[in-house]
C-alpha atoms as a PDB file:
ATOM      1  CA  UNK A   1     101.019  85.046  65.568  1.00  0.00           C
ATOM      2  CA  UNK A   2     104.749  84.458  65.182  1.00  0.00           C
ATOM      3  CA  UNK A   3     106.333  83.735  68.571  1.00  0.00           C
ATOM      4  CA  UNK A   4     110.110  83.727  68.935  1.00  0.00           C
ATOM      5  CA  UNK A   5     112.050  81.160  70.942  1.00  0.00           C
ATOM      6  CA  UNK A   6     110.894  81.164  74.574  1.00  0.00           C
ATOM      7  CA  UNK A   7     113.298  78.622  76.092  1.00  0.00           C
ATOM      8  CA  UNK A   8     116.926  78.828  77.226  1.00  0.00           C
ATOM      9  CA  UNK A   9     116.983  82.613  77.100  1.00  0.00           C
ATOM     10  CA  UNK A  10     119.415  84.564  79.243  1.00  0.00           C
ATOM     11  CA  UNK A  11     117.803  87.800  80.361  1.00  0.00           C
ATOM     12  CA  UNK A  12     119.661  88.010  83.665  1.00  0.00           C
ATOM     13  CA  UNK A  13     117.924  86.124  86.458  1.00  0.00           C
ATOM     14  CA  UNK A  14     118.915  87.738  89.749  1.00  0.00           C
ATOM     15  CA  UNK A  15     120.295  85.536  92.504  1.00  0.00           C
ATOM     16  CA  UNK A  16     118.041  84.869  95.478  1.00  0.00           C
ATOM     17  CA  UNK A  17     119.402  86.053  98.824  1.00  0.00           C
ATOM     18  CA  UNK A  18     117.665  84.961 102.046  1.00  0.00           C
ATOM     19  CA  UNK A  19     116.338  87.511 104.523  1.00  0.00           C
ATOM     20  CA  UNK A  20     119.158  89.062 106.546  1.00  0.00           C
ATOM     21  CA  UNK A  21     119.327  89.268 110.318  1.00  0.00           C
ATOM     22  CA  UNK A  22     118.673  93.018 110.069  1.00  0.00           C
ATOM     23  CA  UNK A  23     115.551  92.436 107.936  1.00  0.00           C
ATOM     24  CA  UNK A  24     114.326  89.813 110.385  1.00  0.00           C
ATOM     25  CA  UNK A  25     114.791  92.166 113.334  1.00  0.00           C
ATOM     26  CA  UNK A  26     112.948  94.921 111.508  1.00  0.00           C
ATOM     27  CA  UNK A  27     110.025  92.593 110.820  1.00  0.00           C
ATOM     28  CA  UNK A  28     109.952  91.467 114.458  1.00  0.00           C
ATOM     29  CA  UNK A  29     109.856  95.129 115.509  1.00  0.00           C
ATOM     30  CA  UNK A  30     106.971  95.704 113.102  1.00  0.00           C
ATOM     31  CA  UNK A  31     105.116  92.783 114.701  1.00  0.00           C
ATOM     32  CA  UNK A  32     105.704  94.264 118.150  1.00  0.00           C
ATOM     33  CA  UNK A  33     104.405  97.655 116.993  1.00  0.00           C
ATOM     34  CA  UNK A  34     101.286  96.026 115.554  1.00  0.00           C
ATOM     35  CA  UNK A  35     100.474  94.668 119.032  1.00  0.00           C
ATOM     36  CA  UNK A  36     101.034  97.902 120.971  1.00  0.00           C
ATOM     37  CA  UNK A  37      98.103  98.785 123.225  1.00  0.00           C
ATOM     38  CA  UNK A  38      97.350 101.804 125.391  1.00  0.00           C
ATOM     39  CA  UNK A  39      96.267 102.026 129.021  1.00  0.00           C
ATOM     40  CA  UNK A  40      95.086 104.963 131.087  1.00  0.00           C
ATOM     41  CA  UNK A  41      97.909 106.753 132.854  1.00  0.00           C
ATOM     42  CA  UNK A  42      97.494 108.165 136.342  1.00  0.00           C
ATOM     43  CA  UNK A  43     100.425 110.592 136.184  1.00  0.00           C
ATOM     44  CA  UNK A  44     101.268 113.502 133.951  1.00  0.00           C
ATOM     45  CA  UNK A  45     101.548 113.274 130.169  1.00  0.00           C
ATOM     46  CA  UNK A  46     104.920 112.748 128.493  1.00  0.00           C
ATOM     47  CA  UNK A  47     106.187 112.541 124.927  1.00  0.00           C
ATOM     48  CA  UNK A  48     105.128 109.173 123.530  1.00  0.00           C
ATOM     49  CA  UNK A  49     101.822 109.210 125.423  1.00  0.00           C
ATOM     50  CA  UNK A  50      98.430 109.798 123.802  1.00  0.00           C
ATOM     51  CA  UNK A  51      96.054 112.444 125.128  1.00  0.00           C
ATOM     52  CA  UNK A  52      92.331 112.434 124.388  1.00  0.00           C
ATOM     53  CA  UNK A  53      91.330 116.084 124.062  1.00  0.00           C
ATOM     54  CA  UNK A  54      88.691 118.586 123.060  1.00  0.00           C
ATOM     55  CA  UNK A  55      90.195 121.638 121.385  1.00  0.00           C
ATOM     56  CA  UNK A  56      88.960 124.924 119.984  1.00  0.00           C
ATOM     57  CA  UNK A  57      91.210 127.184 117.918  1.00  0.00           C
ATOM     58  CA  UNK A  58      90.829 130.962 118.283  1.00  0.00           C
ATOM     59  CA  UNK A  59      92.237 133.695 116.051  1.00  0.00           C
ATOM     60  CA  UNK A  60      91.882 137.074 117.762  1.00  0.00           C
ATOM     61  CA  UNK A  61      89.413 135.416 120.173  1.00  0.00           C
ATOM     62  CA  UNK A  62      87.228 134.211 117.266  1.00  0.00           C
ATOM     63  CA  UNK A  63      86.881 130.472 116.430  1.00  0.00           C
ATOM     64  CA  UNK A  64      88.141 129.613 112.951  1.00  0.00           C
ATOM     65  CA  UNK A  65      86.922 126.929 110.539  1.00  0.00           C
ATOM     66  CA  UNK A  66      88.480 123.506 111.006  1.00  0.00           C
ATOM     67  CA  UNK A  67      89.982 124.401 114.360  1.00  0.00           C
ATOM     68  CA  UNK A  68      87.588 122.499 116.625  1.00  0.00           C
ATOM     69  CA  UNK A  69      87.321 118.833 117.588  1.00  0.00           C
ATOM     70  CA  UNK A  70      86.044 116.684 120.456  1.00  0.00           C
ATOM     71  CA  UNK A  71      87.472 113.506 122.005  1.00  0.00           C
ATOM     72  CA  UNK A  72      90.474 113.564 119.660  1.00  0.00           C
ATOM     73  CA  UNK A  73      93.342 111.114 120.313  1.00  0.00           C
ATOM     74  CA  UNK A  74      96.641 112.949 119.797  1.00  0.00           C
ATOM     75  CA  UNK A  75      99.991 111.178 120.023  1.00  0.00           C
ATOM     76  CA  UNK A  76     102.453 113.495 121.732  1.00  0.00           C
ATOM     77  CA  UNK A  77     105.576 113.604 119.594  1.00  0.00           C
ATOM     78  CA  UNK A  78     103.812 112.262 116.481  1.00  0.00           C
ATOM     79  CA  UNK A  79     104.344 115.528 114.586  1.00  0.00           C
ATOM     80  CA  UNK A  80     100.789 115.406 113.274  1.00  0.00           C
ATOM     81  CA  UNK A  81      99.853 118.878 114.568  1.00  0.00           C
ATOM     82  CA  UNK A  82     101.374 122.344 114.092  1.00  0.00           C
ATOM     83  CA  UNK A  83     104.998 122.541 115.341  1.00  0.00           C
ATOM     84  CA  UNK A  84     105.013 123.338 119.042  1.00  0.00           C
ATOM     85  CA  UNK A  85     101.435 122.171 119.687  1.00  0.00           C
ATOM     86  CA  UNK A  86     102.080 118.695 121.034  1.00  0.00           C
ATOM     87  CA  UNK A  87     104.986 119.708 123.276  1.00  0.00           C
ATOM     88  CA  UNK A  88     102.744 122.177 125.137  1.00  0.00           C
ATOM     89  CA  UNK A  89     100.472 119.310 126.225  1.00  0.00           C
ATOM     90  CA  UNK A  90     103.324 117.532 128.021  1.00  0.00           C
ATOM     91  CA  UNK A  91     103.172 117.554 131.811  1.00  0.00           C
ATOM     92  CA  UNK A  92      99.398 117.608 132.289  1.00  0.00           C
ATOM     93  CA  UNK A  93      96.852 115.207 133.763  1.00  0.00           C
ATOM     94  CA  UNK A  94      93.313 114.027 133.133  1.00  0.00           C
ATOM     95  CA  UNK A  95      90.831 116.890 133.600  1.00  0.00           C
ATOM     96  CA  UNK A  96      93.345 119.706 132.995  1.00  0.00           C
ATOM     97  CA  UNK A  97      92.563 122.689 130.764  1.00  0.00           C
ATOM     98  CA  UNK A  98      95.476 123.977 128.707  1.00  0.00           C
ATOM     99  CA  UNK A  99      95.917 126.998 126.443  1.00  0.00           C
ATOM    100  CA  UNK A 100      98.230 126.067 123.578  1.00  0.00           C
ATOM    101  CA  UNK A 101      99.820 129.055 121.808  1.00  0.00           C
ATOM    102  CA  UNK A 102     101.181 128.375 118.302  1.00  0.00           C
ATOM    103  CA  UNK A 103     101.870 130.211 115.056  1.00  0.00           C
ATOM    104  CA  UNK A 104     100.784 128.701 111.765  1.00  0.00           C
ATOM    105  CA  UNK A 105     103.558 128.255 109.152  1.00  0.00           C
ATOM    106  CA  UNK A 106     103.918 131.029 106.591  1.00  0.00           C
ATOM    107  CA  UNK A 107     103.167 128.508 103.817  1.00  0.00           C
ATOM    108  CA  UNK A 108     100.046 127.090 105.493  1.00  0.00           C
ATOM    109  CA  UNK A 109      97.356 126.019 102.976  1.00  0.00           C
ATOM    110  CA  UNK A 110      94.626 128.191 104.557  1.00  0.00           C
ATOM    111  CA  UNK A 111      95.617 131.742 103.620  1.00  0.00           C
ATOM    112  CA  UNK A 112      93.605 133.319 106.451  1.00  0.00           C
ATOM    113  CA  UNK A 113      95.736 131.362 108.977  1.00  0.00           C
ATOM    114  CA  UNK A 114      99.162 131.408 107.291  1.00  0.00           C
ATOM    115  CA  UNK A 115     101.708 133.022 109.595  1.00  0.00           C
ATOM    116  CA  UNK A 116      99.047 133.873 112.208  1.00  0.00           C
ATOM    117  CA  UNK A 117      99.419 133.414 115.971  1.00  0.00           C
ATOM    118  CA  UNK A 118      96.464 131.525 117.477  1.00  0.00           C
ATOM    119  CA  UNK A 119      95.475 129.884 120.732  1.00  0.00           C
ATOM    120  CA  UNK A 120      93.892 126.454 121.123  1.00  0.00           C
ATOM    121  CA  UNK A 121      91.731 125.951 124.197  1.00  0.00           C
ATOM    122  CA  UNK A 122      92.279 122.305 125.129  1.00  0.00           C
ATOM    123  CA  UNK A 123      90.603 120.049 127.681  1.00  0.00           C
ATOM    124  CA  UNK A 124      92.309 116.732 128.501  1.00  0.00           C
ATOM    125  CA  UNK A 125      89.844 113.872 128.963  1.00  0.00           C
ATOM    126  CA  UNK A 126      92.418 111.130 129.350  1.00  0.00           C
ATOM    127  CA  UNK A 127      96.148 110.419 129.263  1.00  0.00           C
ATOM    128  CA  UNK A 128      97.177 107.034 127.867  1.00  0.00           C
ATOM    129  CA  UNK A 129     100.578 105.398 127.756  1.00  0.00           C
ATOM    130  CA  UNK A 130     101.906 102.777 125.377  1.00  0.00           C
ATOM    131  CA  UNK A 131     102.115  99.168 126.444  1.00  0.00           C
ATOM    132  CA  UNK A 132     104.615  97.363 124.217  1.00  0.00           C
ATOM    133  CA  UNK A 133     104.667  93.567 124.567  1.00  0.00           C
ATOM    134  CA  UNK A 134     107.898  91.728 125.272  1.00  0.00           C
ATOM    135  CA  UNK A 135     109.421  89.640 122.512  1.00  0.00           C
ATOM    136  CA  UNK A 136     109.182  86.217 124.168  1.00  0.00           C
ATOM    137  CA  UNK A 137     107.409  82.853 124.006  1.00  0.00           C
ATOM    138  CA  UNK A 138     104.193  84.392 125.345  1.00  0.00           C
ATOM    139  CA  UNK A 139     104.214  86.906 122.486  1.00  0.00           C
ATOM    140  CA  UNK A 140     104.611  84.055 119.969  1.00  0.00           C
ATOM    141  CA  UNK A 141     101.546  82.288 121.394  1.00  0.00           C
ATOM    142  CA  UNK A 142      99.452  85.231 120.206  1.00  0.00           C
ATOM    143  CA  UNK A 143     100.232  84.022 116.673  1.00  0.00           C
ATOM    144  CA  UNK A 144      99.313  80.415 117.419  1.00  0.00           C
ATOM    145  CA  UNK A 145     102.914  79.278 117.906  1.00  0.00           C
ATOM    146  CA  UNK A 146     104.561  77.668 120.938  1.00  0.00           C
ATOM    147  CA  UNK A 147     107.779  79.648 121.175  1.00  0.00           C
ATOM    148  CA  UNK A 148     109.676  82.707 120.020  1.00  0.00           C
ATOM    149  CA  UNK A 149     112.011  80.398 118.094  1.00  0.00           C
ATOM    150  CA  UNK A 150     109.038  79.017 116.145  1.00  0.00           C
ATOM    151  CA  UNK A 151     107.869  82.559 115.441  1.00  0.00           C
ATOM    152  CA  UNK A 152     111.289  83.521 114.081  1.00  0.00           C
ATOM    153  CA  UNK A 153     111.404  80.405 111.892  1.00  0.00           C
ATOM    154  CA  UNK A 154     107.907  81.048 110.522  1.00  0.00           C
ATOM    155  CA  UNK A 155     108.746  84.687 109.907  1.00  0.00           C
ATOM    156  CA  UNK A 156     111.901  83.696 108.028  1.00  0.00           C
ATOM    157  CA  UNK A 157     109.908  81.221 105.919  1.00  0.00           C
ATOM    158  CA  UNK A 158     107.308  83.852 104.994  1.00  0.00           C
ATOM    159  CA  UNK A 159     109.881  86.554 104.275  1.00  0.00           C
ATOM    160  CA  UNK A 160     111.976  84.262 102.080  1.00  0.00           C
ATOM    161  CA  UNK A 161     108.883  83.021 100.236  1.00  0.00           C
ATOM    162  CA  UNK A 162     107.878  86.634  99.527  1.00  0.00           C
ATOM    163  CA  UNK A 163     111.384  87.592  98.428  1.00  0.00           C
ATOM    164  CA  UNK A 164     111.523  84.621  96.055  1.00  0.00           C
ATOM    165  CA  UNK A 165     108.040  85.367  94.719  1.00  0.00           C
ATOM    166  CA  UNK A 166     108.945  89.024  94.140  1.00  0.00           C
ATOM    167  CA  UNK A 167     112.160  87.958  92.412  1.00  0.00           C
ATOM    168  CA  UNK A 168     110.300  85.498  90.179  1.00  0.00           C
ATOM    169  CA  UNK A 169     107.650  88.073  89.273  1.00  0.00           C
ATOM    170  CA  UNK A 170     110.270  90.677  88.387  1.00  0.00           C
ATOM    171  CA  UNK A 171     112.160  88.117  86.283  1.00  0.00           C
ATOM    172  CA  UNK A 172     108.983  86.876  84.617  1.00  0.00           C
ATOM    173  CA  UNK A 173     108.059  90.438  83.622  1.00  0.00           C
ATOM    174  CA  UNK A 174     111.420  90.978  81.935  1.00  0.00           C
ATOM    175  CA  UNK A 175     111.299  87.537  80.348  1.00  0.00           C
ATOM    176  CA  UNK A 176     107.836  88.043  78.841  1.00  0.00           C
ATOM    177  CA  UNK A 177     108.811  91.499  77.565  1.00  0.00           C
ATOM    178  CA  UNK A 178     111.904  90.033  75.903  1.00  0.00           C
ATOM    179  CA  UNK A 179     109.873  87.320  74.161  1.00  0.00           C
ATOM    180  CA  UNK A 180     107.079  89.699  73.138  1.00  0.00           C
ATOM    181  CA  UNK A 181     109.562  92.263  71.767  1.00  0.00           C
ATOM    182  CA  UNK A 182     111.057  89.575  69.544  1.00  0.00           C
ATOM    183  CA  UNK A 183     107.709  88.148  68.417  1.00  0.00           C
ATOM    184  CA  UNK A 184     104.870  89.251  66.174  1.00  0.00           C
ATOM    185  CA  UNK A 185     101.687  89.262  68.253  1.00  0.00           C
ATOM    186  CA  UNK A 186      98.589  90.991  66.913  1.00  0.00           C
ATOM    187  CA  UNK A 187      96.031  92.359  69.354  1.00  0.00           C
ATOM    188  CA  UNK A 188      92.460  92.801  68.146  1.00  0.00           C
ATOM    189  CA  UNK A 189      90.415  95.877  69.030  1.00  0.00           C
ATOM    190  CA  UNK A 190      88.121  93.683  71.127  1.00  0.00           C
ATOM    191  CA  UNK A 191      90.998  92.231  73.160  1.00  0.00           C
ATOM    192  CA  UNK A 192      92.562  95.665  73.532  1.00  0.00           C
ATOM    193  CA  UNK A 193      89.307  97.109  74.887  1.00  0.00           C
ATOM    194  CA  UNK A 194      89.003  94.207  77.339  1.00  0.00           C
ATOM    195  CA  UNK A 195      92.561  94.826  78.556  1.00  0.00           C
ATOM    196  CA  UNK A 196      91.916  98.547  79.074  1.00  0.00           C
ATOM    197  CA  UNK A 197      88.660  97.700  80.887  1.00  0.00           C
ATOM    198  CA  UNK A 198      90.516  95.398  83.275  1.00  0.00           C
ATOM    199  CA  UNK A 199      93.163  97.989  84.121  1.00  0.00           C
ATOM    200  CA  UNK A 200      90.510 100.693  84.489  1.00  0.00           C
ATOM    201  CA  UNK A 201      88.585  98.428  86.896  1.00  0.00           C
ATOM    202  CA  UNK A 202      91.769  97.950  88.910  1.00  0.00           C
ATOM    203  CA  UNK A 203      92.149 101.723  89.303  1.00  0.00           C
ATOM    204  CA  UNK A 204      88.477 101.936  90.295  1.00  0.00           C
ATOM    205  CA  UNK A 205      89.047  99.459  93.115  1.00  0.00           C
ATOM    206  CA  UNK A 206      92.164 101.322  94.259  1.00  0.00           C
ATOM    207  CA  UNK A 207      90.580 104.779  94.474  1.00  0.00           C
ATOM    208  CA  UNK A 208      87.507 103.261  96.167  1.00  0.00           C
ATOM    209  CA  UNK A 209      89.752 102.405  99.126  1.00  0.00           C
ATOM    210  CA  UNK A 210      90.112 106.150  99.671  1.00  0.00           C
ATOM    211  CA  UNK A 211      86.374 106.785  99.450  1.00  0.00           C
ATOM    212  CA  UNK A 212      86.546 108.106  95.888  1.00  0.00           C
ATOM    213  CA  UNK A 213      84.978 107.100  92.599  1.00  0.00           C
ATOM    214  CA  UNK A 214      86.700 107.444  89.234  1.00  0.00           C
ATOM    215  CA  UNK A 215      84.783 110.599  88.305  1.00  0.00           C
ATOM    216  CA  UNK A 216      86.021 112.452  91.395  1.00  0.00           C
ATOM    217  CA  UNK A 217      89.532 110.994  91.043  1.00  0.00           C
ATOM    218  CA  UNK A 218      89.807 112.047  87.390  1.00  0.00           C
ATOM    219  CA  UNK A 219      88.405 115.488  88.222  1.00  0.00           C
ATOM    220  CA  UNK A 220      91.251 115.896  90.724  1.00  0.00           C
ATOM    221  CA  UNK A 221      93.691 114.886  87.980  1.00  0.00           C
ATOM    222  CA  UNK A 222      91.995 117.293  85.551  1.00  0.00           C
ATOM    223  CA  UNK A 223      91.539 114.447  83.100  1.00  0.00           C
ATOM    224  CA  UNK A 224      88.580 113.012  81.196  1.00  0.00           C
ATOM    225  CA  UNK A 225      87.691 109.312  81.177  1.00  0.00           C
ATOM    226  CA  UNK A 226      88.659 109.126  77.513  1.00  0.00           C
ATOM    227  CA  UNK A 227      92.058 110.733  78.140  1.00  0.00           C
ATOM    228  CA  UNK A 228      92.718 108.368  81.054  1.00  0.00           C
ATOM    229  CA  UNK A 229      91.760 105.295  79.012  1.00  0.00           C
ATOM    230  CA  UNK A 230      94.053 106.489  76.201  1.00  0.00           C
ATOM    231  CA  UNK A 231      96.825 106.874  78.777  1.00  0.00           C
ATOM    232  CA  UNK A 232      96.384 103.198  79.669  1.00  0.00           C
ATOM    233  CA  UNK A 233      96.934 102.082  76.067  1.00  0.00           C
ATOM    234  CA  UNK A 234     100.619 101.099  76.330  1.00  0.00           C
ATOM    235  CA  UNK A 235     100.084  99.195  79.583  1.00  0.00           C
ATOM    236  CA  UNK A 236      96.997  97.491  78.150  1.00  0.00           C
ATOM    237  CA  UNK A 237      98.831  96.504  74.954  1.00  0.00           C
ATOM    238  CA  UNK A 238     101.722  94.991  76.940  1.00  0.00           C
ATOM    239  CA  UNK A 239      99.269  93.107  79.152  1.00  0.00           C
ATOM    240  CA  UNK A 240      97.266  91.807  76.189  1.00  0.00           C
ATOM    241  CA  UNK A 241     100.366  90.616  74.336  1.00  0.00           C
ATOM    242  CA  UNK A 242     101.707  88.978  77.500  1.00  0.00           C
ATOM    243  CA  UNK A 243      98.399  87.160  78.051  1.00  0.00           C
ATOM    244  CA  UNK A 244      98.358  85.906  74.466  1.00  0.00           C
ATOM    245  CA  UNK A 245     101.942  84.741  74.764  1.00  0.00           C
ATOM    246  CA  UNK A 246     101.123  82.715  77.895  1.00  0.00           C
ATOM    247  CA  UNK A 247      98.103  81.190  76.144  1.00  0.00           C
ATOM    248  CA  UNK A 248     100.327  80.243  73.180  1.00  0.00           C
ATOM    249  CA  UNK A 249     102.997  78.641  75.397  1.00  0.00           C
ATOM    250  CA  UNK A 250     100.390  76.722  77.396  1.00  0.00           C
ATOM    251  CA  UNK A 251      98.845  75.293  74.226  1.00  0.00           C
ATOM    252  CA  UNK A 252     102.206  74.566  72.614  1.00  0.00           C
ATOM    253  CA  UNK A 253     103.540  72.779  75.732  1.00  0.00           C
ATOM    254  CA  UNK A 254     100.260  70.990  76.555  1.00  0.00           C
ATOM    255  CA  UNK A 255     100.016  72.743  79.922  1.00  0.00           C
ATOM    256  CA  UNK A 256      96.560  72.307  81.435  1.00  0.00           C
ATOM    257  CA  UNK A 257      94.695  72.955  84.652  1.00  0.00           C
ATOM    258  CA  UNK A 258      93.636  69.506  85.861  1.00  0.00           C
ATOM    259  CA  UNK A 259      90.263  68.830  87.472  1.00  0.00           C
ATOM    260  CA  UNK A 260      92.052  67.979  90.727  1.00  0.00           C
ATOM    261  CA  UNK A 261      93.915  71.310  90.728  1.00  0.00           C
ATOM    262  CA  UNK A 262      90.717  73.232  90.035  1.00  0.00           C
ATOM    263  CA  UNK A 263      88.800  71.428  92.799  1.00  0.00           C
ATOM    264  CA  UNK A 264      91.636  71.980  95.263  1.00  0.00           C
ATOM    265  CA  UNK A 265      91.746  75.689  94.461  1.00  0.00           C
ATOM    266  CA  UNK A 266      87.972  76.042  94.764  1.00  0.00           C
ATOM    267  CA  UNK A 267      88.050  74.267  98.119  1.00  0.00           C
ATOM    268  CA  UNK A 268      90.698  76.719  99.307  1.00  0.00           C
ATOM    269  CA  UNK A 269      88.378  79.587  98.331  1.00  0.00           C
ATOM    270  CA  UNK A 270      85.501  77.994 100.219  1.00  0.00           C
ATOM    271  CA  UNK A 271      87.560  77.465 103.364  1.00  0.00           C
ATOM    272  CA  UNK A 272      89.189  80.899 103.265  1.00  0.00           C
ATOM    273  CA  UNK A 273      85.961  82.837 102.730  1.00  0.00           C
ATOM    274  CA  UNK A 274      83.858  80.449 104.850  1.00  0.00           C
ATOM    275  CA  UNK A 275      81.307  79.954 102.052  1.00  0.00           C
ATOM    276  CA  UNK A 276      78.364  77.736 103.136  1.00  0.00           C
ATOM    277  CA  UNK A 277      77.823  74.613 101.037  1.00  0.00           C
ATOM    278  CA  UNK A 278      74.472  75.855  99.723  1.00  0.00           C
ATOM    279  CA  UNK A 279      76.132  79.028  98.366  1.00  0.00           C
ATOM    280  CA  UNK A 280      79.273  77.293  97.156  1.00  0.00           C
ATOM    281  CA  UNK A 281      77.547  75.662  94.175  1.00  0.00           C
ATOM    282  CA  UNK A 282      76.684  79.083  92.718  1.00  0.00           C
ATOM    283  CA  UNK A 283      80.135  80.424  93.605  1.00  0.00           C
ATOM    284  CA  UNK A 284      81.719  77.476  91.799  1.00  0.00           C
ATOM    285  CA  UNK A 285      79.661  78.030  88.658  1.00  0.00           C
ATOM    286  CA  UNK A 286      80.528  81.724  88.570  1.00  0.00           C
ATOM    287  CA  UNK A 287      84.263  81.368  89.275  1.00  0.00           C
ATOM    288  CA  UNK A 288      85.111  78.070  87.548  1.00  0.00           C
ATOM    289  CA  UNK A 289      86.575  79.552  84.358  1.00  0.00           C
ATOM    290  CA  UNK A 290      88.438  82.278  86.263  1.00  0.00           C
ATOM    291  CA  UNK A 291      90.007  79.692  88.566  1.00  0.00           C
ATOM    292  CA  UNK A 292      91.060  77.547  85.593  1.00  0.00           C
ATOM    293  CA  UNK A 293      92.621  80.579  83.905  1.00  0.00           C
ATOM    294  CA  UNK A 294      94.502  81.564  87.080  1.00  0.00           C
ATOM    295  CA  UNK A 295      95.938  78.079  87.530  1.00  0.00           C
ATOM    296  CA  UNK A 296      96.920  77.844  83.861  1.00  0.00           C
ATOM    297  CA  UNK A 297      98.608  81.231  83.984  1.00  0.00           C
ATOM    298  CA  UNK A 298     100.602  80.312  87.112  1.00  0.00           C
ATOM    299  CA  UNK A 299     101.707  76.966  85.690  1.00  0.00           C
ATOM    300  CA  UNK A 300     102.746  78.538  82.381  1.00  0.00           C
ATOM    301  CA  UNK A 301     104.625  81.321  84.146  1.00  0.00           C
ATOM    302  CA  UNK A 302     106.448  78.715  86.256  1.00  0.00           C
ATOM    303  CA  UNK A 303     107.309  76.772  83.069  1.00  0.00           C
ATOM    304  CA  UNK A 304     108.909  79.895  81.556  1.00  0.00           C
ATOM    305  CA  UNK A 305     110.859  80.665  84.726  1.00  0.00           C
ATOM    306  CA  UNK A 306     112.163  77.094  85.009  1.00  0.00           C
ATOM    307  CA  UNK A 307     113.130  76.845  81.343  1.00  0.00           C
ATOM    308  CA  UNK A 308     115.178  80.012  81.124  1.00  0.00           C
ATOM    309  CA  UNK A 309     118.355  81.266  82.772  1.00  0.00           C
END
């Protein structure tokens, strides 16, 4: 391995700018939206309300596939149904039956329905209206804080910490690429395979969030496992070289993960995941090396960021 100079490089570190007032207001609005609740409404439905409905779609008086549901919550004005559907449910009350007449778009995915006029027989079980909390001290107490001012200060701290972290990560990526591109770093077949395996496992975890496995995901992409793994080669090579560079810098600069740092990190894991003491011993044995590696990587990355422009 022949590593080029990795200190005092100028690859264009971007200047940090704190969160703006507009960004803060947007985040406060997002917090308000996250706490919106719904309550039953006695009057008639209006745009912005939610109606709980049964519906049955009929084409020429015959039910069609996928056109029936029970106890479905539909936000009026959400645009989630066929154009014109939601507006026809405005002005009704709990217990009403409504015939909704709509025409499917010409480019609708189901060919048997594209461009066809249909009727949906709807029964309204309930009308609910939004309850949006007020942005005040009481709202802040829901986050464990005493006042709205404290909430704003905490929000600013978190937003600025994230912005700085994102900025550092973006800079670190460019910095590592610059050093790697000017170095000679060999990657063995074994290390390359391990890097591809790690990226593949990441994709597995991502598609699992959508209820898919890799076989079904790759079938949708019309791609074999081998083709997908080959597609990951460039990313895996960059990752492997970056990892080896960080290991080299850590060794060369005597950067280590101290016992105190490792114990502190493990304790944070235990507290966060509420791991009982009797299970923590096994957890510690299994994760010890991973925790050490994570700490070492973070410290080495910070060293590179602090020692370059």
